[in-house]
Amino acid sequence: MTSVDLEIDDGVARIWLNRPERLNAVAPVLVDELLSALDRVDGTKAVVLGGRGRAFCAGHDLKETPTGDSRARIERLQDVTRRLRKIPQPVIAAVHGYAIGAGAEFALGCDLVLAAEDAVFAFPEAGLGLSVTGAASRLLPLIVGPLKAKELLLLGERIDARTAHALGLVNAVVPDVHATALDWARRIPAHPAATLAKRALDAGIDSALEQALELEVSHALITEHLPENALGSRA
């Protein structure tokens, strides 16, 4: 069984995170297969990113022991944000259940975000002695404002779908998030103007994206090497 599934039908690519037994938590194999899936959406007009099972993505899999070069591993994860931002097709996140940590960052990297009634978002990294790594430091303040972004990142509290909508973190809260995401994807014009609109809107937003990603790597490497007693609640 693969950790990520890709289905293409009628011009729409559907990418499914497929580790339902782990609430689609992020592991190296999931990152690799997600990047591979994003590389194989050529010829489609839109992409829908969703999760199988009870959640969109519950963040990093804490049962996975990090191995290899830390910088390379973090930058590989950041490549998901880079790829979501750079592929020409608009990407719609269909979020249900948990979108925590890296899962919330995956959603942030998409162009449109739809949430089910049971969706829950959170950025708990600071409370775990970790750093955000998916350009949340750049994208979150642009979406919800600097003060609210600091509240979400520093307190790490979970917010429900309605609150996320009120903050502008999601476009809409809908009864059937996967069906609605597919409907929205099909309504996107199969015309170069759609990809040009995405590029134009993202030009200013993404102009400082690489600087934010590099700063996040630096912070992540610092937190990895701090002694345990300096991290407070880190598990």
C-alpha atoms as a PDB file:
ATOM      1  CA  MET A   1       0.000   0.000   0.000  1.00  0.00           C
ATOM      2  CA  THR A   2       1.332   3.410  -0.951  1.00  0.00           C
ATOM      3  CA  SER A   3       1.411   6.366   1.430  1.00  0.00           C
ATOM      4  CA  VAL A   4       0.039   8.690  -1.261  1.00  0.00           C
ATOM      5  CA  ASP A   5      -2.441   7.869  -4.028  1.00  0.00           C
ATOM      6  CA  LEU A   6      -2.945   9.808  -7.256  1.00  0.00           C
ATOM      7  CA  GLU A   7      -6.134   9.660  -9.332  1.00  0.00           C
ATOM      8  CA  ILE A   8      -6.680  11.687 -12.507  1.00  0.00           C
ATOM      9  CA  ASP A   9     -10.135  12.014 -14.018  1.00  0.00           C
ATOM     10  CA  ASP A  10     -11.733  14.563 -16.336  1.00  0.00           C
ATOM     11  CA  GLY A  11      -8.818  16.972 -16.050  1.00  0.00           C
ATOM     12  CA  VAL A  12      -8.659  16.948 -12.238  1.00  0.00           C
ATOM     13  CA  ALA A  13      -5.883  15.314 -10.225  1.00  0.00           C
ATOM     14  CA  ARG A  14      -6.876  13.984  -6.800  1.00  0.00           C
ATOM     15  CA  ILE A  15      -3.995  13.350  -4.420  1.00  0.00           C
ATOM     16  CA  TRP A  16      -4.794  11.357  -1.291  1.00  0.00           C
ATOM     17  CA  LEU A  17      -2.577  11.116   1.772  1.00  0.00           C
ATOM     18  CA  ASN A  18      -2.939   7.435   2.544  1.00  0.00           C
ATOM     19  CA  ARG A  19      -1.679   6.515   6.001  1.00  0.00           C
ATOM     20  CA  PRO A  20      -5.111   6.329   7.650  1.00  0.00           C
ATOM     21  CA  GLU A  21      -3.878   4.076  10.474  1.00  0.00           C
ATOM     22  CA  ARG A  22      -1.586   6.983  11.518  1.00  0.00           C
ATOM     23  CA  LEU A  23      -4.085   9.764  10.701  1.00  0.00           C
ATOM     24  CA  ASN A  24      -1.911  10.510   7.659  1.00  0.00           C
ATOM     25  CA  ALA A  25       0.920  11.681   9.906  1.00  0.00           C
ATOM     26  CA  VAL A  26       4.026  12.832   8.087  1.00  0.00           C
ATOM     27  CA  ALA A  27       6.833  10.339   7.572  1.00  0.00           C
ATOM     28  CA  PRO A  28       9.686  10.462   5.021  1.00  0.00           C
ATOM     29  CA  VAL A  29       7.922   7.986   2.730  1.00  0.00           C
ATOM     30  CA  LEU A  30       4.791  10.144   2.664  1.00  0.00           C
ATOM     31  CA  VAL A  31       6.843  13.238   1.787  1.00  0.00           C
ATOM     32  CA  ASP A  32       8.640  11.419  -1.021  1.00  0.00           C
ATOM     33  CA  GLU A  33       5.441   9.996  -2.484  1.00  0.00           C
ATOM     34  CA  LEU A  34       3.588  13.311  -2.176  1.00  0.00           C
ATOM     35  CA  LEU A  35       6.330  15.086  -4.096  1.00  0.00           C
ATOM     36  CA  SER A  36       6.255  12.314  -6.716  1.00  0.00           C
ATOM     37  CA  ALA A  37       2.481  12.692  -7.075  1.00  0.00           C
ATOM     38  CA  LEU A  38       2.797  16.462  -7.499  1.00  0.00           C
ATOM     39  CA  ASP A  39       5.323  15.807 -10.263  1.00  0.00           C
ATOM     40  CA  ARG A  40       2.778  13.702 -12.139  1.00  0.00           C
ATOM     41  CA  VAL A  41      -0.137  16.140 -12.464  1.00  0.00           C
ATOM     42  CA  ASP A  42       0.930  17.577 -15.826  1.00  0.00           C
ATOM     43  CA  GLY A  43      -1.951  18.066 -18.215  1.00  0.00           C
ATOM     44  CA  THR A  44      -4.554  18.599 -15.492  1.00  0.00           C
ATOM     45  CA  LYS A  45      -6.329  21.865 -14.812  1.00  0.00           C
ATOM     46  CA  ALA A  46      -6.605  21.561 -11.021  1.00  0.00           C
ATOM     47  CA  VAL A  47      -5.415  19.449  -8.099  1.00  0.00           C
ATOM     48  CA  VAL A  48      -7.327  18.382  -4.981  1.00  0.00           C
ATOM     49  CA  LEU A  49      -5.311  17.358  -1.915  1.00  0.00           C
ATOM     50  CA  GLY A  50      -7.129  15.291   0.719  1.00  0.00           C
ATOM     51  CA  GLY A  51      -6.596  12.589   3.298  1.00  0.00           C
ATOM     52  CA  ARG A  52      -8.049   9.107   3.590  1.00  0.00           C
ATOM     53  CA  GLY A  53      -9.546   7.885   6.831  1.00  0.00           C
ATOM     54  CA  ARG A  54     -10.426  10.102   9.779  1.00  0.00           C
ATOM     55  CA  ALA A  55      -8.065  13.039   9.169  1.00  0.00           C
ATOM     56  CA  PHE A  56      -6.396  15.232   6.604  1.00  0.00           C
ATOM     57  CA  CYS A  57      -2.978  15.096   8.288  1.00  0.00           C
ATOM     58  CA  ALA A  58      -2.207  14.929  12.012  1.00  0.00           C
ATOM     59  CA  GLY A  59       1.284  16.407  11.702  1.00  0.00           C
ATOM     60  CA  HIS A  60       4.625  14.698  12.149  1.00  0.00           C
ATOM     61  CA  ASP A  61       4.548  11.031  13.060  1.00  0.00           C
ATOM     62  CA  LEU A  62       6.122  11.065  16.522  1.00  0.00           C
ATOM     63  CA  LYS A  63       6.734   7.314  16.268  1.00  0.00           C
ATOM     64  CA  GLU A  64       9.159   7.917  13.414  1.00  0.00           C
ATOM     65  CA  THR A  65      12.769   8.403  14.563  1.00  0.00           C
ATOM     66  CA  PRO A  66      14.488  11.103  12.457  1.00  0.00           C
ATOM     67  CA  THR A  67      17.485   9.754  10.556  1.00  0.00           C
ATOM     68  CA  GLY A  68      20.085  11.175   8.214  1.00  0.00           C
ATOM     69  CA  ASP A  69      21.128  14.769   7.691  1.00  0.00           C
ATOM     70  CA  SER A  70      18.765  17.124   9.519  1.00  0.00           C
ATOM     71  CA  ARG A  71      18.990  19.966   7.018  1.00  0.00           C
ATOM     72  CA  ALA A  72      18.333  17.655   4.069  1.00  0.00           C
ATOM     73  CA  ARG A  73      15.346  16.097   5.845  1.00  0.00           C
ATOM     74  CA  ILE A  74      13.811  19.489   6.706  1.00  0.00           C
ATOM     75  CA  GLU A  75      14.395  20.916   3.249  1.00  0.00           C
ATOM     76  CA  ARG A  76      12.824  17.808   1.721  1.00  0.00           C
ATOM     77  CA  LEU A  77       9.684  18.482   3.754  1.00  0.00           C
ATOM     78  CA  GLN A  78       9.776  22.129   2.706  1.00  0.00           C
ATOM     79  CA  ASP A  79       9.850  21.008  -0.913  1.00  0.00           C
ATOM     80  CA  VAL A  80       6.171  20.125  -0.494  1.00  0.00           C
ATOM     81  CA  THR A  81       5.362  23.815   0.066  1.00  0.00           C
ATOM     82  CA  ARG A  82       7.633  24.830  -2.789  1.00  0.00           C
ATOM     83  CA  ARG A  83       5.972  22.375  -5.150  1.00  0.00           C
ATOM     84  CA  LEU A  84       2.425  23.342  -4.104  1.00  0.00           C
ATOM     85  CA  ARG A  85       3.228  26.989  -4.763  1.00  0.00           C
ATOM     86  CA  LYS A  86       5.071  26.480  -8.047  1.00  0.00           C
ATOM     87  CA  ILE A  87       2.980  23.982  -9.970  1.00  0.00           C
ATOM     88  CA  PRO A  88       0.838  25.897 -12.472  1.00  0.00           C
ATOM     89  CA  GLN A  89      -2.461  24.282 -11.525  1.00  0.00           C
ATOM     90  CA  PRO A  90      -4.548  25.686  -8.673  1.00  0.00           C
ATOM     91  CA  VAL A  91      -4.467  23.309  -5.689  1.00  0.00           C
ATOM     92  CA  ILE A  92      -7.475  22.858  -3.401  1.00  0.00           C
ATOM     93  CA  ALA A  93      -7.021  21.420   0.081  1.00  0.00           C
ATOM     94  CA  ALA A  94      -9.985  19.328   1.257  1.00  0.00           C
ATOM     95  CA  VAL A  95      -9.543  19.248   5.033  1.00  0.00           C
ATOM     96  CA  HIS A  96     -11.451  16.988   7.397  1.00  0.00           C
ATOM     97  CA  GLY A  97     -10.520  15.929  10.892  1.00  0.00           C
ATOM     98  CA  TYR A  98      -7.077  16.978  12.040  1.00  0.00           C
ATOM     99  CA  ALA A  99      -4.853  19.415  10.137  1.00  0.00           C
ATOM    100  CA  ILE A 100      -2.139  19.761  12.749  1.00  0.00           C
ATOM    101  CA  GLY A 101       1.417  21.073  12.445  1.00  0.00           C
ATOM    102  CA  ALA A 102       2.796  19.950   9.084  1.00  0.00           C
ATOM    103  CA  GLY A 103      -0.776  19.068   8.070  1.00  0.00           C
ATOM    104  CA  ALA A 104      -1.907  22.649   8.633  1.00  0.00           C
ATOM    105  CA  GLU A 105       1.154  23.821   6.713  1.00  0.00           C
ATOM    106  CA  PHE A 106       0.228  21.574   3.778  1.00  0.00           C
ATOM    107  CA  ALA A 107      -3.180  23.267   3.704  1.00  0.00           C
ATOM    108  CA  LEU A 108      -1.599  26.736   3.921  1.00  0.00           C
ATOM    109  CA  GLY A 109       0.496  25.960   0.861  1.00  0.00           C
ATOM    110  CA  CYS A 110      -2.586  25.327  -1.264  1.00  0.00           C
ATOM    111  CA  ASP A 111      -4.427  27.983  -3.260  1.00  0.00           C
ATOM    112  CA  LEU A 112      -7.883  27.268  -1.836  1.00  0.00           C
ATOM    113  CA  VAL A 113      -8.849  25.541   1.413  1.00  0.00           C
ATOM    114  CA  LEU A 114     -12.185  23.863   2.094  1.00  0.00           C
ATOM    115  CA  ALA A 115     -13.003  22.466   5.522  1.00  0.00           C
ATOM    116  CA  ALA A 116     -15.457  19.883   6.775  1.00  0.00           C
ATOM    117  CA  GLU A 117     -17.483  20.651   9.882  1.00  0.00           C
ATOM    118  CA  ASP A 118     -15.176  18.442  11.952  1.00  0.00           C
ATOM    119  CA  ALA A 119     -11.920  20.032  10.758  1.00  0.00           C
ATOM    120  CA  VAL A 120      -9.450  21.089  13.438  1.00  0.00           C
ATOM    121  CA  PHE A 121      -6.377  23.231  12.785  1.00  0.00           C
ATOM    122  CA  ALA A 122      -3.374  23.861  15.031  1.00  0.00           C
ATOM    123  CA  PHE A 123       0.284  24.866  14.950  1.00  0.00           C
ATOM    124  CA  PRO A 124       1.668  23.171  18.095  1.00  0.00           C
ATOM    125  CA  GLU A 125       5.363  23.271  17.190  1.00  0.00           C
ATOM    126  CA  ALA A 126       6.470  25.906  19.722  1.00  0.00           C
ATOM    127  CA  GLY A 127       4.915  23.961  22.595  1.00  0.00           C
ATOM    128  CA  LEU A 128       6.811  20.856  21.464  1.00  0.00           C
ATOM    129  CA  GLY A 129      10.117  22.695  21.285  1.00  0.00           C
ATOM    130  CA  LEU A 130      10.069  22.654  17.490  1.00  0.00           C
ATOM    131  CA  SER A 131       9.977  25.204  14.670  1.00  0.00           C
ATOM    132  CA  VAL A 132       7.419  25.621  11.913  1.00  0.00           C
ATOM    133  CA  THR A 133       8.963  24.534   8.622  1.00  0.00           C
ATOM    134  CA  GLY A 134       6.356  24.835   5.871  1.00  0.00           C
ATOM    135  CA  ALA A 135       6.535  28.607   5.295  1.00  0.00           C
ATOM    136  CA  ALA A 136       3.880  29.205   7.960  1.00  0.00           C
ATOM    137  CA  SER A 137       6.037  32.082   9.188  1.00  0.00           C
ATOM    138  CA  ARG A 138       5.408  33.807   5.845  1.00  0.00           C
ATOM    139  CA  LEU A 139       1.972  32.583   4.795  1.00  0.00           C
ATOM    140  CA  LEU A 140       0.062  32.594   8.097  1.00  0.00           C
ATOM    141  CA  PRO A 141       0.506  36.337   8.875  1.00  0.00           C
ATOM    142  CA  LEU A 142      -0.580  37.189   5.333  1.00  0.00           C
ATOM    143  CA  ILE A 143      -3.751  35.150   5.743  1.00  0.00           C
ATOM    144  CA  VAL A 144      -4.869  35.912   9.316  1.00  0.00           C
ATOM    145  CA  GLY A 145      -2.784  38.981  10.207  1.00  0.00           C
ATOM    146  CA  PRO A 146       0.421  39.254  12.286  1.00  0.00           C
ATOM    147  CA  LEU A 147      -1.207  39.394  15.742  1.00  0.00           C
ATOM    148  CA  LYS A 148      -3.476  36.399  15.199  1.00  0.00           C
ATOM    149  CA  ALA A 149      -0.610  34.482  13.566  1.00  0.00           C
ATOM    150  CA  LYS A 150       1.519  35.011  16.680  1.00  0.00           C
ATOM    151  CA  GLU A 151      -1.373  33.842  18.848  1.00  0.00           C
ATOM    152  CA  LEU A 152      -1.805  30.662  16.804  1.00  0.00           C
ATOM    153  CA  LEU A 153       1.920  29.905  16.740  1.00  0.00           C
ATOM    154  CA  LEU A 154       2.816  30.847  20.310  1.00  0.00           C
ATOM    155  CA  LEU A 155      -0.185  29.326  22.079  1.00  0.00           C
ATOM    156  CA  GLY A 156      -0.608  26.398  19.710  1.00  0.00           C
ATOM    157  CA  GLU A 157      -4.309  26.106  20.523  1.00  0.00           C
ATOM    158  CA  ARG A 158      -6.621  24.109  18.296  1.00  0.00           C
ATOM    159  CA  ILE A 159      -9.284  25.965  16.349  1.00  0.00           C
ATOM    160  CA  ASP A 160     -12.387  24.485  14.788  1.00  0.00           C
ATOM    161  CA  ALA A 161     -13.556  24.860  11.209  1.00  0.00           C
ATOM    162  CA  ARG A 162     -15.896  27.795  11.892  1.00  0.00           C
ATOM    163  CA  THR A 163     -13.195  29.729  13.707  1.00  0.00           C
ATOM    164  CA  ALA A 164     -10.736  28.981  10.910  1.00  0.00           C
ATOM    165  CA  HIS A 165     -13.269  30.331   8.413  1.00  0.00           C
ATOM    166  CA  ALA A 166     -13.840  33.483  10.440  1.00  0.00           C
ATOM    167  CA  LEU A 167     -10.074  34.067  10.487  1.00  0.00           C
ATOM    168  CA  GLY A 168      -9.803  33.597   6.724  1.00  0.00           C
ATOM    169  CA  LEU A 169      -7.778  30.408   7.093  1.00  0.00           C
ATOM    170  CA  VAL A 170     -10.321  28.493   4.974  1.00  0.00           C
ATOM    171  CA  ASN A 171     -12.532  29.572   2.095  1.00  0.00           C
ATOM    172  CA  ALA A 172     -15.642  27.721   3.232  1.00  0.00           C
ATOM    173  CA  VAL A 173     -16.964  25.140   5.668  1.00  0.00           C
ATOM    174  CA  VAL A 174     -19.045  22.547   3.823  1.00  0.00           C
ATOM    175  CA  PRO A 175     -20.978  19.351   4.648  1.00  0.00           C
ATOM    176  CA  ASP A 176     -19.163  17.135   2.123  1.00  0.00           C
ATOM    177  CA  VAL A 177     -15.681  18.538   1.771  1.00  0.00           C
ATOM    178  CA  HIS A 178     -14.393  16.032  -0.805  1.00  0.00           C
ATOM    179  CA  ALA A 179     -17.388  16.403  -3.121  1.00  0.00           C
ATOM    180  CA  THR A 180     -17.266  20.188  -2.873  1.00  0.00           C
ATOM    181  CA  ALA A 181     -13.523  20.284  -3.530  1.00  0.00           C
ATOM    182  CA  LEU A 182     -14.021  18.160  -6.634  1.00  0.00           C
ATOM    183  CA  ASP A 183     -16.855  20.454  -7.776  1.00  0.00           C
ATOM    184  CA  TRP A 184     -14.682  23.541  -7.303  1.00  0.00           C
ATOM    185  CA  ALA A 185     -11.826  21.894  -9.175  1.00  0.00           C
ATOM    186  CA  ARG A 186     -14.084  21.076 -12.102  1.00  0.00           C
ATOM    187  CA  ARG A 187     -15.329  24.675 -12.192  1.00  0.00           C
ATOM    188  CA  ILE A 188     -11.815  26.063 -12.665  1.00  0.00           C
ATOM    189  CA  PRO A 189     -11.434  26.974 -16.341  1.00  0.00           C
ATOM    190  CA  ALA A 190      -9.240  24.698 -18.451  1.00  0.00           C
ATOM    191  CA  HIS A 191      -7.515  27.765 -19.821  1.00  0.00           C
ATOM    192  CA  PRO A 192      -4.023  29.258 -19.400  1.00  0.00           C
ATOM    193  CA  ALA A 193      -5.656  32.328 -17.857  1.00  0.00           C
ATOM    194  CA  ALA A 194      -6.329  30.319 -14.683  1.00  0.00           C
ATOM    195  CA  THR A 195      -2.667  29.418 -14.222  1.00  0.00           C
ATOM    196  CA  LEU A 196      -1.628  32.980 -15.048  1.00  0.00           C
ATOM    197  CA  ALA A 197      -4.046  34.287 -12.408  1.00  0.00           C
ATOM    198  CA  LYS A 198      -2.485  31.980  -9.817  1.00  0.00           C
ATOM    199  CA  ARG A 199       1.002  33.092 -10.802  1.00  0.00           C
ATOM    200  CA  ALA A 200       0.102  36.776 -10.683  1.00  0.00           C
ATOM    201  CA  LEU A 201      -1.587  36.528  -7.284  1.00  0.00           C
ATOM    202  CA  ASP A 202       1.328  34.560  -5.817  1.00  0.00           C
ATOM    203  CA  ALA A 203       4.084  36.731  -7.270  1.00  0.00           C
ATOM    204  CA  GLY A 204       4.150  39.182  -4.376  1.00  0.00           C
ATOM    205  CA  ILE A 205       3.325  36.598  -1.711  1.00  0.00           C
ATOM    206  CA  ASP A 206       6.062  34.207  -2.759  1.00  0.00           C
ATOM    207  CA  SER A 207       8.756  36.830  -3.376  1.00  0.00           C
ATOM    208  CA  ALA A 208      10.007  36.326   0.192  1.00  0.00           C
ATOM    209  CA  LEU A 209       9.097  32.634   0.494  1.00  0.00           C
ATOM    210  CA  GLU A 210      12.618  31.255   0.120  1.00  0.00           C
ATOM    211  CA  GLN A 211      13.966  33.603   2.796  1.00  0.00           C
ATOM    212  CA  ALA A 212      11.230  32.442   5.175  1.00  0.00           C
ATOM    213  CA  LEU A 213      11.931  28.780   4.424  1.00  0.00           C
ATOM    214  CA  GLU A 214      15.672  29.223   5.038  1.00  0.00           C
ATOM    215  CA  LEU A 215      15.042  31.003   8.344  1.00  0.00           C
ATOM    216  CA  GLU A 216      12.709  28.176   9.374  1.00  0.00           C
ATOM    217  CA  VAL A 217      15.427  25.622   8.606  1.00  0.00           C
ATOM    218  CA  SER A 218      17.877  27.560  10.767  1.00  0.00           C
ATOM    219  CA  HIS A 219      15.406  27.659  13.643  1.00  0.00           C
ATOM    220  CA  ALA A 220      14.537  23.974  13.241  1.00  0.00           C
ATOM    221  CA  LEU A 221      18.202  23.018  13.424  1.00  0.00           C
ATOM    222  CA  ILE A 222      18.612  25.114  16.580  1.00  0.00           C
ATOM    223  CA  THR A 223      15.674  23.455  18.322  1.00  0.00           C
ATOM    224  CA  GLU A 224      16.919  19.980  17.366  1.00  0.00           C
ATOM    225  CA  HIS A 225      20.210  20.611  19.149  1.00  0.00           C
ATOM    226  CA  LEU A 226      18.930  22.289  22.293  1.00  0.00           C
ATOM    227  CA  PRO A 227      19.236  20.156  25.436  1.00  0.00           C
ATOM    228  CA  GLU A 228      16.005  18.518  26.536  1.00  0.00           C
ATOM    229  CA  ASN A 229      15.789  20.549  29.746  1.00  0.00           C
ATOM    230  CA  ALA A 230      15.799  23.757  27.695  1.00  0.00           C
ATOM    231  CA  LEU A 231      12.717  22.723  25.745  1.00  0.00           C
ATOM    232  CA  GLY A 232      10.161  22.711  28.521  1.00  0.00           C
ATOM    233  CA  SER A 233       7.301  20.540  27.338  1.00  0.00           C
ATOM    234  CA  ARG A 234       9.082  18.865  24.429  1.00  0.00           C
ATOM    235  CA  ALA A 235       8.306  15.139  24.350  1.00  0.00           C
END
